[in-house]
Amino acid sequence: MIAEFRLPDLGEGLAEAEVVQWLVAPGDTVALNQTLAEVETAKAVVELPSPYEGTVTILHAEAGETVAVGAPLIAFDVEGEDGSAPEQDAGALPERAQPNLVGYGAAPASSGRPARRARRAGATRSAADTAVLEAAPHDAVPSATVERVVERPRSTPPVRAHAKRLGIDLVLVAAEIEDRVITRHDVDAYAERVGAASHADPAGGGAQASADTMPMFPPTTDGTGRRETRMPIRGVRKHTAAAMVQSAFTAPHVTVFHTVDVTATMDLLASLRDDRALVGQKIGPLAVIAKVVCLALSRTPGLNAHWDEQAGEIVHYEYVDLGIAAATERGLIVPNIRNAEALSLTQLSSALKELAETARAGKTSPAELAGGTFSISNIGVFGVDAGTPILPPGQSGILAVGAVRRQPWEYRGEIELRQMMTLSLSFDHRLVDGAEGARFLKHVADVLEQPGRAMLFG
């Protein structure tokens, strides 16, 4: 029988998703819960597991096409319980093949690994990939790697794009690592070892330019012949724009600034780096600020609240789901650290590292982006001192952290070179008045100036 799989709601009531790439093709036999495709919602790239066992008959959308929730996505030829393909309805499918929620999948019939579509490693290699193989040392690429049939390499869209820019075939990278998803670090390590970067043309010019080095959207010209590039507004960029407009014109924003002497905090971090008990723990300024923010929110609860217009209520949270703004190749996202107030400094540091790696790899899930009670934006990594951050929808406060700079400052009656940082706090003036916003900023500044003050927070 023919069974259709329609695009489900992937979370947060999203209305559509774009097909990033198909991992199966018509005629392929798929197993239950095998990954069919990667789709990009307004929040994240999501892998779609198969709700059926059977043979793919039709792909209803091409890669790059946007599909509405509820629209047909893929069709299967599914056998009935008796091994034939009788004319049955979907409800007559065996229990193990019943579709389930995306992200959970159906109960597998066995614990074995789902089969993935195989392909011959050298079948679709580009000119740049061939150049890499020819230039690589003979012991760098096992000869069997090129000819054998391998699984489609598992990676994320940003990693695949990065590999394309370097002219790297991910099949070769997959052959040298463990059975896991290929990361950007794996690609860089492979490129450095075989000298692949020298074969890539990052500018897209020269006689050897290929489709891999061309822009995703080709340039056009205006009426006078000048070049311009038009890109469709979709995915994370579309969602971010809508959310920021909604927030800016719904919540009355107020931003206050405070310049802080963080010399003592930087000295503390230097001492922690030399602490033998913390070998392998790279605790940075952002981890300290995240910890201090959680402490300060306990004293100024209005900054950890939500204005519920529909219910006519102000919701005060007794936990902190700390949002961390992350700039990725797909745009700005704000994943959350759940129950951040309960984490130690080292645990926060580890959580921040994991959050950043997941965001860069494009693997942040919709669940990790949902909610959030207060956010931090580290604009200092771009060399920026201050700004007026826009509140994530539903939150009443966001703190922008500026760059740390050595500059002359009054200290104990003398002018000295001190390490200074500017904090920018935006808040929703419906929930937070100026006095409470100033108190929060002063609490954060006091601990950053004298870390020992954290002992006074109950």
Protein backbone atom coordinates (compact mmCIF):
# COMPACT_ATOMS: atom_id res chain seq x y z
CA MET A 1 0.00 0.00 0.00
CA ILE A 2 1.02 3.63 -0.47
CA ALA A 3 1.46 5.67 2.72
CA GLU A 4 2.08 9.41 2.70
CA PHE A 5 4.09 11.24 5.33
CA ARG A 6 2.98 14.84 5.79
CA LEU A 7 5.21 17.51 7.33
CA PRO A 8 4.30 17.62 11.05
CA ASP A 9 4.42 20.59 13.40
CA LEU A 10 8.07 20.57 14.46
CA GLY A 11 7.43 22.59 17.60
CA GLU A 12 6.35 26.06 18.74
CA GLY A 13 3.49 26.08 16.23
CA LEU A 14 5.79 26.73 13.25
CA ALA A 15 3.83 26.91 10.00
CA GLU A 16 6.45 25.78 7.49
CA ALA A 17 9.93 24.34 6.97
CA GLU A 18 12.47 24.34 4.16
CA VAL A 19 13.92 21.08 2.87
CA VAL A 20 17.69 21.42 3.29
CA GLN A 21 18.57 18.06 1.75
CA TRP A 22 17.10 14.65 1.12
CA LEU A 23 19.01 11.64 2.46
CA VAL A 24 16.88 9.18 0.47
CA ALA A 25 15.66 8.97 -3.12
CA PRO A 26 12.79 7.25 -4.93
CA GLY A 27 13.44 3.50 -5.02
CA ASP A 28 15.40 3.45 -1.74
CA THR A 29 14.35 1.01 0.94
CA VAL A 30 14.19 2.72 4.33
CA ALA A 31 14.04 1.38 7.86
CA LEU A 32 11.89 2.59 10.71
CA ASN A 33 13.33 5.80 12.22
CA GLN A 34 15.96 6.13 9.48
CA THR A 35 16.69 9.80 8.78
CA LEU A 36 14.84 10.85 5.63
CA ALA A 37 15.79 14.49 5.30
CA GLU A 38 17.05 17.59 7.04
CA VAL A 39 14.59 20.47 7.17
CA GLU A 40 15.17 24.00 8.40
CA THR A 41 12.48 25.66 10.44
CA ALA A 42 12.49 29.25 11.59
CA LYS A 43 14.49 28.09 14.60
CA ALA A 44 16.69 25.10 13.82
CA VAL A 45 17.77 22.38 11.40
CA VAL A 46 15.83 19.21 12.24
CA GLU A 47 16.34 15.63 11.10
CA LEU A 48 13.12 13.85 10.10
CA PRO A 49 13.00 10.14 11.03
CA SER A 50 10.95 7.75 8.92
CA PRO A 51 7.65 6.69 10.48
CA TYR A 52 7.42 3.70 8.10
CA GLU A 53 9.40 0.75 6.80
CA GLY A 54 9.15 0.47 3.06
CA THR A 55 10.27 1.78 -0.30
CA VAL A 56 10.33 5.48 -1.19
CA THR A 57 8.05 6.18 -4.14
CA ILE A 58 7.71 9.96 -4.35
CA LEU A 59 9.49 13.02 -2.93
CA HIS A 60 6.88 15.78 -2.95
CA ALA A 61 9.39 18.62 -2.51
CA GLU A 62 12.84 19.44 -3.87
CA ALA A 63 15.80 20.53 -1.73
CA GLY A 64 15.47 24.25 -1.10
CA GLU A 65 11.68 24.19 -1.35
CA THR A 66 9.50 25.43 1.51
CA VAL A 67 6.75 23.05 2.64
CA ALA A 68 3.75 23.99 4.77
CA VAL A 69 2.95 21.98 7.88
CA GLY A 70 0.42 19.29 6.92
CA ALA A 71 1.47 19.21 3.26
CA PRO A 72 2.62 15.88 1.72
CA LEU A 73 6.38 15.45 2.03
CA ILE A 74 7.21 11.90 0.97
CA ALA A 75 5.35 8.71 0.00
CA PHE A 76 6.23 5.08 0.72
CA ASP A 77 5.22 1.70 -0.57
CA VAL A 78 4.58 -0.12 2.73
CA GLU A 79 3.97 -3.85 2.99
CA GLY A 80 1.08 -5.22 5.08
CA GLU A 81 1.43 -7.68 7.92
CA ASP A 82 1.16 -10.67 5.59
CA GLY A 83 4.22 -9.55 3.64
CA SER A 84 2.20 -8.38 0.63
CA ALA A 85 0.99 -4.95 -0.24
CA PRO A 86 -2.78 -5.29 0.06
CA GLU A 87 -5.22 -2.46 -0.21
CA GLN A 88 -5.29 -1.41 3.42
CA ASP A 89 -5.57 1.90 5.12
CA ALA A 90 -2.84 3.42 7.30
CA GLY A 91 -4.56 2.18 10.45
CA ALA A 92 -3.94 -1.41 9.35
CA LEU A 93 -0.17 -1.00 9.40
CA PRO A 94 1.70 -3.17 11.89
CA GLU A 95 2.21 -1.46 15.22
CA ARG A 96 5.96 -1.15 14.76
CA ALA A 97 5.38 0.93 11.60
CA GLN A 98 2.88 3.36 13.04
CA PRO A 99 4.04 6.97 12.65
CA ASN A 100 4.93 8.88 15.79
CA LEU A 101 5.97 12.38 16.78
CA VAL A 102 8.98 13.75 14.91
CA GLY A 103 12.03 13.79 17.14
CA TYR A 104 10.85 10.66 18.94
CA GLY A 105 10.17 8.23 16.12
CA ALA A 106 8.30 4.96 16.26
CA ALA A 107 9.31 2.01 18.41
CA PRO A 108 12.06 0.21 16.50
CA ALA A 109 11.68 -3.47 15.68
CA SER A 110 15.30 -4.14 16.55
CA SER A 111 18.20 -2.42 18.24
CA GLY A 112 20.30 -2.53 15.10
CA ARG A 113 21.41 0.65 13.41
CA PRO A 114 19.01 1.87 10.69
CA ALA A 115 20.33 1.37 7.18
CA ARG A 116 21.43 4.52 5.38
CA ARG A 117 21.48 5.04 1.66
CA ALA A 118 24.80 3.79 0.29
CA ARG A 119 26.70 5.40 -2.53
CA ARG A 120 30.05 4.84 -4.25
CA ALA A 121 32.63 7.17 -2.79
CA GLY A 122 34.05 8.36 -6.09
CA ALA A 123 30.81 8.64 -8.05
CA THR A 124 30.11 12.36 -7.70
CA ARG A 125 33.47 13.82 -6.70
CA SER A 126 34.09 17.40 -7.83
CA ALA A 127 37.25 18.69 -9.51
CA ALA A 128 38.35 20.27 -6.24
CA ASP A 129 37.93 16.94 -4.42
CA THR A 130 40.04 15.18 -7.07
CA ALA A 131 42.75 17.77 -6.67
CA VAL A 132 42.80 17.12 -2.94
CA LEU A 133 43.22 13.38 -3.53
CA GLU A 134 46.05 13.91 -6.02
CA ALA A 135 47.87 16.33 -3.73
CA ALA A 136 47.48 14.25 -0.58
CA PRO A 137 50.32 11.98 0.58
CA HIS A 138 49.80 8.34 -0.39
CA ASP A 139 49.46 7.35 3.25
CA ALA A 140 46.90 10.08 3.92
CA VAL A 141 44.06 8.51 1.93
CA PRO A 142 43.80 4.69 1.97
CA SER A 143 43.25 3.40 -1.54
CA ALA A 144 40.32 1.29 -0.38
CA THR A 145 38.56 4.44 0.74
CA VAL A 146 38.07 5.70 -2.79
CA GLU A 147 36.57 2.57 -4.31
CA ARG A 148 34.52 0.98 -1.58
CA VAL A 149 30.79 1.63 -1.10
CA VAL A 150 30.28 3.82 1.97
CA GLU A 151 27.43 5.40 3.89
CA ARG A 152 26.42 8.94 3.15
CA PRO A 153 28.57 11.03 5.55
CA ARG A 154 26.65 12.35 8.52
CA SER A 155 27.14 16.09 9.02
CA THR A 156 25.21 19.35 9.32
CA PRO A 157 24.51 21.98 6.63
CA PRO A 158 27.10 24.49 7.99
CA VAL A 159 29.77 21.77 8.08
CA ARG A 160 28.94 20.67 4.53
CA ALA A 161 29.15 24.28 3.33
CA HIS A 162 32.51 24.68 5.09
CA ALA A 163 33.81 21.49 3.48
CA LYS A 164 32.70 22.74 0.06
CA ARG A 165 34.61 25.99 0.52
CA LEU A 166 37.76 23.98 1.27
CA GLY A 167 37.17 21.47 -1.52
CA ILE A 168 36.92 18.55 0.91
CA ASP A 169 34.98 15.35 0.21
CA LEU A 170 33.23 14.42 3.45
CA VAL A 171 33.41 10.75 2.46
CA LEU A 172 37.17 10.93 3.01
CA VAL A 173 36.75 12.67 6.36
CA ALA A 174 34.20 10.07 7.49
CA ALA A 175 36.62 7.27 6.67
CA GLU A 176 39.14 8.61 9.19
CA ILE A 177 36.96 9.30 12.20
CA GLU A 178 34.82 7.21 14.49
CA ASP A 179 31.23 6.40 13.68
CA ARG A 180 29.82 9.81 14.56
CA VAL A 181 28.62 13.07 13.01
CA ILE A 182 31.38 14.99 11.22
CA THR A 183 32.18 18.34 12.87
CA ARG A 184 33.81 21.50 11.57
CA HIS A 185 36.91 20.58 13.59
CA ASP A 186 37.14 17.24 11.75
CA VAL A 187 37.02 19.04 8.39
CA ASP A 188 39.65 21.60 9.43
CA ALA A 189 41.95 18.90 10.78
CA TYR A 190 41.68 16.91 7.56
CA ALA A 191 42.23 20.03 5.41
CA GLU A 192 45.30 21.01 7.39
CA ARG A 193 46.81 17.55 7.08
CA VAL A 194 46.35 17.16 3.33
CA GLY A 195 46.85 20.82 2.46
CA ALA A 196 43.37 21.09 0.97
CA ALA A 197 42.92 24.76 1.79
CA SER A 198 45.49 25.70 -0.86
CA HIS A 199 43.27 24.13 -3.52
CA ALA A 200 40.15 26.05 -2.57
CA ASP A 201 39.33 29.38 -4.18
CA PRO A 202 37.62 31.37 -1.40
CA ALA A 203 37.23 34.41 -3.62
CA GLY A 204 35.36 32.42 -6.24
CA GLY A 205 37.63 33.77 -9.00
CA GLY A 206 40.22 32.24 -11.30
CA ALA A 207 40.00 29.69 -14.05
CA GLN A 208 39.28 26.80 -11.68
CA ALA A 209 36.19 28.33 -10.06
CA SER A 210 33.40 25.76 -9.74
CA ALA A 211 29.86 25.57 -8.42
CA ASP A 212 31.31 24.94 -4.96
CA THR A 213 32.99 28.36 -4.92
CA MET A 214 30.12 30.32 -6.45
CA PRO A 215 27.67 32.27 -4.25
CA MET A 216 24.56 30.42 -3.16
CA PHE A 217 22.50 33.11 -4.91
CA PRO A 218 24.00 34.37 -8.19
CA PRO A 219 24.33 38.16 -8.56
CA THR A 220 21.96 40.10 -10.78
CA THR A 221 22.18 43.61 -12.18
CA ASP A 222 20.06 46.69 -11.75
CA GLY A 223 18.94 48.97 -14.56
CA THR A 224 22.39 50.54 -14.87
CA GLY A 225 24.32 47.29 -14.99
CA ARG A 226 25.57 47.37 -11.39
CA ARG A 227 25.69 44.01 -9.62
CA GLU A 228 23.50 43.06 -6.68
CA THR A 229 22.57 39.80 -4.97
CA ARG A 230 19.04 38.99 -3.83
CA MET A 231 18.47 36.33 -1.20
CA PRO A 232 15.02 35.10 -0.10
CA ILE A 233 14.03 35.95 3.46
CA ARG A 234 13.49 32.62 5.19
CA GLY A 235 14.61 30.33 7.99
CA VAL A 236 16.23 31.81 11.08
CA ARG A 237 16.64 35.26 9.50
CA LYS A 238 12.90 35.47 8.79
CA HIS A 239 11.96 34.31 12.29
CA THR A 240 14.47 36.63 13.98
CA ALA A 241 13.23 39.64 12.03
CA ALA A 242 9.59 38.95 12.89
CA ALA A 243 10.41 38.37 16.56
CA MET A 244 12.49 41.54 16.87
CA VAL A 245 9.83 43.69 15.20
CA GLN A 246 7.15 42.22 17.47
CA SER A 247 9.28 42.82 20.56
CA ALA A 248 10.37 46.34 19.62
CA PHE A 249 6.79 47.49 18.98
CA THR A 250 5.13 45.60 21.84
CA ALA A 251 7.39 46.05 24.86
CA PRO A 252 8.50 49.61 25.73
CA HIS A 253 12.28 49.26 25.78
CA VAL A 254 14.55 51.17 28.13
CA THR A 255 18.34 50.74 28.06
CA VAL A 256 20.73 51.76 30.83
CA PHE A 257 24.53 51.57 30.79
CA HIS A 258 27.18 51.09 33.44
CA THR A 259 30.97 51.02 33.05
CA VAL A 260 32.56 48.55 35.44
CA ASP A 261 36.11 48.01 36.68
CA VAL A 262 36.51 44.24 36.17
CA THR A 263 40.21 44.04 37.04
CA ALA A 264 39.53 41.89 40.11
CA THR A 265 37.35 39.51 38.07
CA MET A 266 40.04 39.15 35.39
CA ASP A 267 42.60 38.47 38.13
CA LEU A 268 40.27 35.81 39.54
CA LEU A 269 39.98 34.13 36.14
CA ALA A 270 43.78 34.16 35.78
CA SER A 271 44.12 32.43 39.16
CA LEU A 272 41.51 29.83 38.19
CA ARG A 273 43.46 29.00 35.03
CA ASP A 274 46.49 28.24 37.20
CA ASP A 275 44.49 26.12 39.66
CA ARG A 276 45.49 22.46 39.33
CA ALA A 277 42.06 21.38 40.52
CA LEU A 278 40.55 22.99 37.40
CA VAL A 279 42.83 21.48 34.76
CA GLY A 280 40.88 21.22 31.51
CA GLN A 281 38.25 23.75 32.66
CA LYS A 282 38.50 26.93 30.58
CA ILE A 283 36.40 29.36 32.60
CA GLY A 284 35.95 32.67 30.80
CA PRO A 285 34.38 36.06 31.63
CA LEU A 286 31.01 35.04 30.15
CA ALA A 287 30.69 32.14 32.61
CA VAL A 288 31.35 34.50 35.52
CA ILE A 289 28.85 37.03 34.20
CA ALA A 290 26.23 34.28 33.74
CA LYS A 291 26.72 33.23 37.36
CA VAL A 292 26.53 36.83 38.60
CA VAL A 293 23.37 37.47 36.56
CA CYS A 294 21.66 34.48 38.18
CA LEU A 295 22.59 35.83 41.62
CA ALA A 296 21.37 39.34 40.78
CA LEU A 297 18.05 38.06 39.41
CA SER A 298 17.27 36.56 42.82
CA ARG A 299 17.31 40.13 44.23
CA THR A 300 15.47 41.80 41.35
CA PRO A 301 12.70 39.36 40.31
CA GLY A 302 11.10 41.84 37.93
CA LEU A 303 13.94 41.17 35.48
CA ASN A 304 13.06 37.47 35.49
CA ALA A 305 9.40 37.78 34.58
CA HIS A 306 6.95 37.79 31.69
CA TRP A 307 4.12 40.18 30.80
CA ASP A 308 1.19 37.94 29.84
CA GLU A 309 -1.05 40.32 27.90
CA GLN A 310 -3.70 37.72 27.13
CA ALA A 311 -4.12 36.59 30.73
CA GLY A 312 -3.66 40.05 32.18
CA GLU A 313 -0.96 38.75 34.52
CA ILE A 314 2.72 39.24 35.34
CA VAL A 315 4.45 35.87 35.61
CA HIS A 316 7.48 35.76 37.95
CA TYR A 317 9.77 32.79 37.37
CA GLU A 318 11.38 31.03 40.32
CA TYR A 319 14.02 29.56 38.01
CA VAL A 320 16.38 31.03 35.42
CA ASP A 321 16.39 29.66 31.88
CA LEU A 322 19.32 31.76 30.71
CA GLY A 323 19.33 32.65 27.02
CA ILE A 324 22.71 33.16 25.35
CA ALA A 325 22.66 35.01 22.03
CA ALA A 326 24.75 33.10 19.48
CA ALA A 327 25.75 34.33 16.02
CA THR A 328 25.78 31.40 13.58
CA GLU A 329 26.10 30.97 9.82
CA ARG A 330 22.30 30.69 9.73
CA GLY A 331 21.71 33.88 11.71
CA LEU A 332 21.18 34.89 15.32
CA ILE A 333 19.72 32.31 17.69
CA VAL A 334 19.20 32.38 21.47
CA PRO A 335 19.44 28.88 22.96
CA ASN A 336 18.82 28.51 26.69
CA ILE A 337 20.65 26.99 29.63
CA ARG A 338 17.88 25.40 31.68
CA ASN A 339 17.84 26.02 35.45
CA ALA A 340 21.03 28.06 35.22
CA GLU A 341 20.57 29.34 38.77
CA ALA A 342 21.26 25.83 40.10
CA LEU A 343 24.59 25.43 38.26
CA SER A 344 28.04 26.06 39.68
CA LEU A 345 30.58 28.24 37.88
CA THR A 346 32.30 25.23 36.33
CA GLN A 347 28.97 23.72 35.29
CA LEU A 348 27.95 27.00 33.66
CA SER A 349 31.27 27.11 31.83
CA SER A 350 30.71 23.60 30.47
CA ALA A 351 27.12 24.42 29.51
CA LEU A 352 28.26 27.54 27.62
CA LYS A 353 30.88 25.55 25.73
CA GLU A 354 28.38 22.85 24.76
CA LEU A 355 25.81 25.47 23.75
CA ALA A 356 28.31 27.25 21.48
CA GLU A 357 29.52 24.03 19.81
CA THR A 358 25.97 22.86 19.19
CA ALA A 359 24.97 26.24 17.73
CA ARG A 360 28.00 26.39 15.42
CA ALA A 361 27.27 22.86 14.19
CA GLY A 362 23.67 23.84 13.40
CA LYS A 363 22.30 21.18 15.75
CA THR A 364 20.44 23.40 18.22
CA SER A 365 16.97 21.88 18.63
CA PRO A 366 13.68 23.83 18.75
CA ALA A 367 13.28 22.76 22.39
CA GLU A 368 16.59 24.44 23.28
CA LEU A 369 15.41 27.66 21.65
CA ALA A 370 11.98 27.71 23.26
CA GLY A 371 11.25 29.76 26.35
CA GLY A 372 14.00 31.59 28.20
CA THR A 373 13.48 33.97 31.11
CA PHE A 374 16.48 36.34 30.75
CA SER A 375 19.21 36.67 28.13
CA ILE A 376 22.85 37.70 27.72
CA SER A 377 24.42 39.00 24.51
CA ASN A 378 28.22 38.96 24.43
CA ILE A 379 28.92 41.80 22.01
CA GLY A 380 32.43 42.15 23.40
CA VAL A 381 33.67 39.28 21.24
CA PHE A 382 33.20 41.62 18.25
CA GLY A 383 35.17 44.42 19.92
CA VAL A 384 32.00 46.40 20.66
CA ASP A 385 31.70 48.32 23.94
CA ALA A 386 27.97 48.98 24.29
CA GLY A 387 24.63 48.75 22.52
CA THR A 388 20.87 48.79 22.91
CA PRO A 389 19.85 45.11 22.67
CA ILE A 390 16.27 44.23 21.78
CA LEU A 391 14.43 41.95 24.20
CA PRO A 392 13.70 38.41 23.07
CA PRO A 393 9.89 38.12 22.91
CA GLY A 394 8.38 37.21 26.27
CA GLN A 395 11.39 38.27 28.35
CA SER A 396 11.70 41.38 30.48
CA GLY A 397 15.48 41.81 30.42
CA ILE A 398 18.61 41.30 28.30
CA LEU A 399 22.18 42.23 29.24
CA ALA A 400 24.75 43.14 26.57
CA VAL A 401 28.34 42.55 27.69
CA GLY A 402 30.97 44.80 26.13
CA ALA A 403 34.65 44.26 25.43
CA VAL A 404 37.21 44.35 28.26
CA ARG A 405 39.63 47.24 27.66
CA ARG A 406 42.62 48.59 29.59
CA GLN A 407 42.12 52.30 30.14
CA PRO A 408 42.96 55.01 32.67
CA TRP A 409 40.53 54.96 35.61
CA GLU A 410 40.34 56.44 39.07
CA TYR A 411 41.29 53.77 41.64
CA ARG A 412 41.79 54.53 45.34
CA GLY A 413 42.45 58.19 44.68
CA GLU A 414 44.95 57.57 41.90
CA ILE A 415 44.75 57.26 38.12
CA GLU A 416 45.71 53.73 37.03
CA LEU A 417 45.35 51.49 34.00
CA ARG A 418 42.40 49.26 34.86
CA GLN A 419 40.45 46.64 32.91
CA MET A 420 37.07 48.13 32.14
CA MET A 421 33.83 46.77 30.70
CA THR A 422 30.53 48.44 29.79
CA LEU A 423 27.26 46.68 30.58
CA SER A 424 24.10 47.56 28.64
CA LEU A 425 20.78 46.47 30.13
CA SER A 426 17.53 46.66 28.15
CA PHE A 427 14.29 45.96 30.00
CA ASP A 428 10.54 46.03 29.52
CA HIS A 429 9.31 49.20 31.22
CA ARG A 430 5.87 47.65 31.77
CA LEU A 431 7.36 45.26 34.33
CA VAL A 432 10.55 47.00 35.42
CA ASP A 433 10.89 50.61 36.45
CA GLY A 434 14.15 52.53 36.22
CA ALA A 435 15.04 51.99 39.88
CA GLU A 436 14.79 48.20 39.69
CA GLY A 437 16.76 48.12 36.43
CA ALA A 438 19.47 50.25 38.01
CA ARG A 439 19.57 48.01 41.11
CA PHE A 440 20.05 44.91 38.97
CA LEU A 441 22.89 46.53 37.05
CA LYS A 442 24.48 47.70 40.30
CA HIS A 443 24.29 44.17 41.80
CA VAL A 444 26.05 42.74 38.73
CA ALA A 445 28.66 45.51 38.75
CA ASP A 446 29.40 45.15 42.47
CA VAL A 447 30.28 41.46 42.13
CA LEU A 448 32.34 41.99 38.97
CA GLU A 449 34.30 44.74 40.75
CA GLN A 450 34.72 42.67 43.92
CA PRO A 451 33.97 38.97 43.31
CA GLY A 452 33.94 38.32 47.06
CA ARG A 453 30.63 40.18 47.28
CA ALA A 454 28.99 37.09 45.81
CA MET A 455 29.22 35.64 49.34
CA LEU A 456 26.61 38.20 50.43
CA PHE A 457 23.97 36.96 47.99
CA GLY A 458 21.46 34.63 49.62
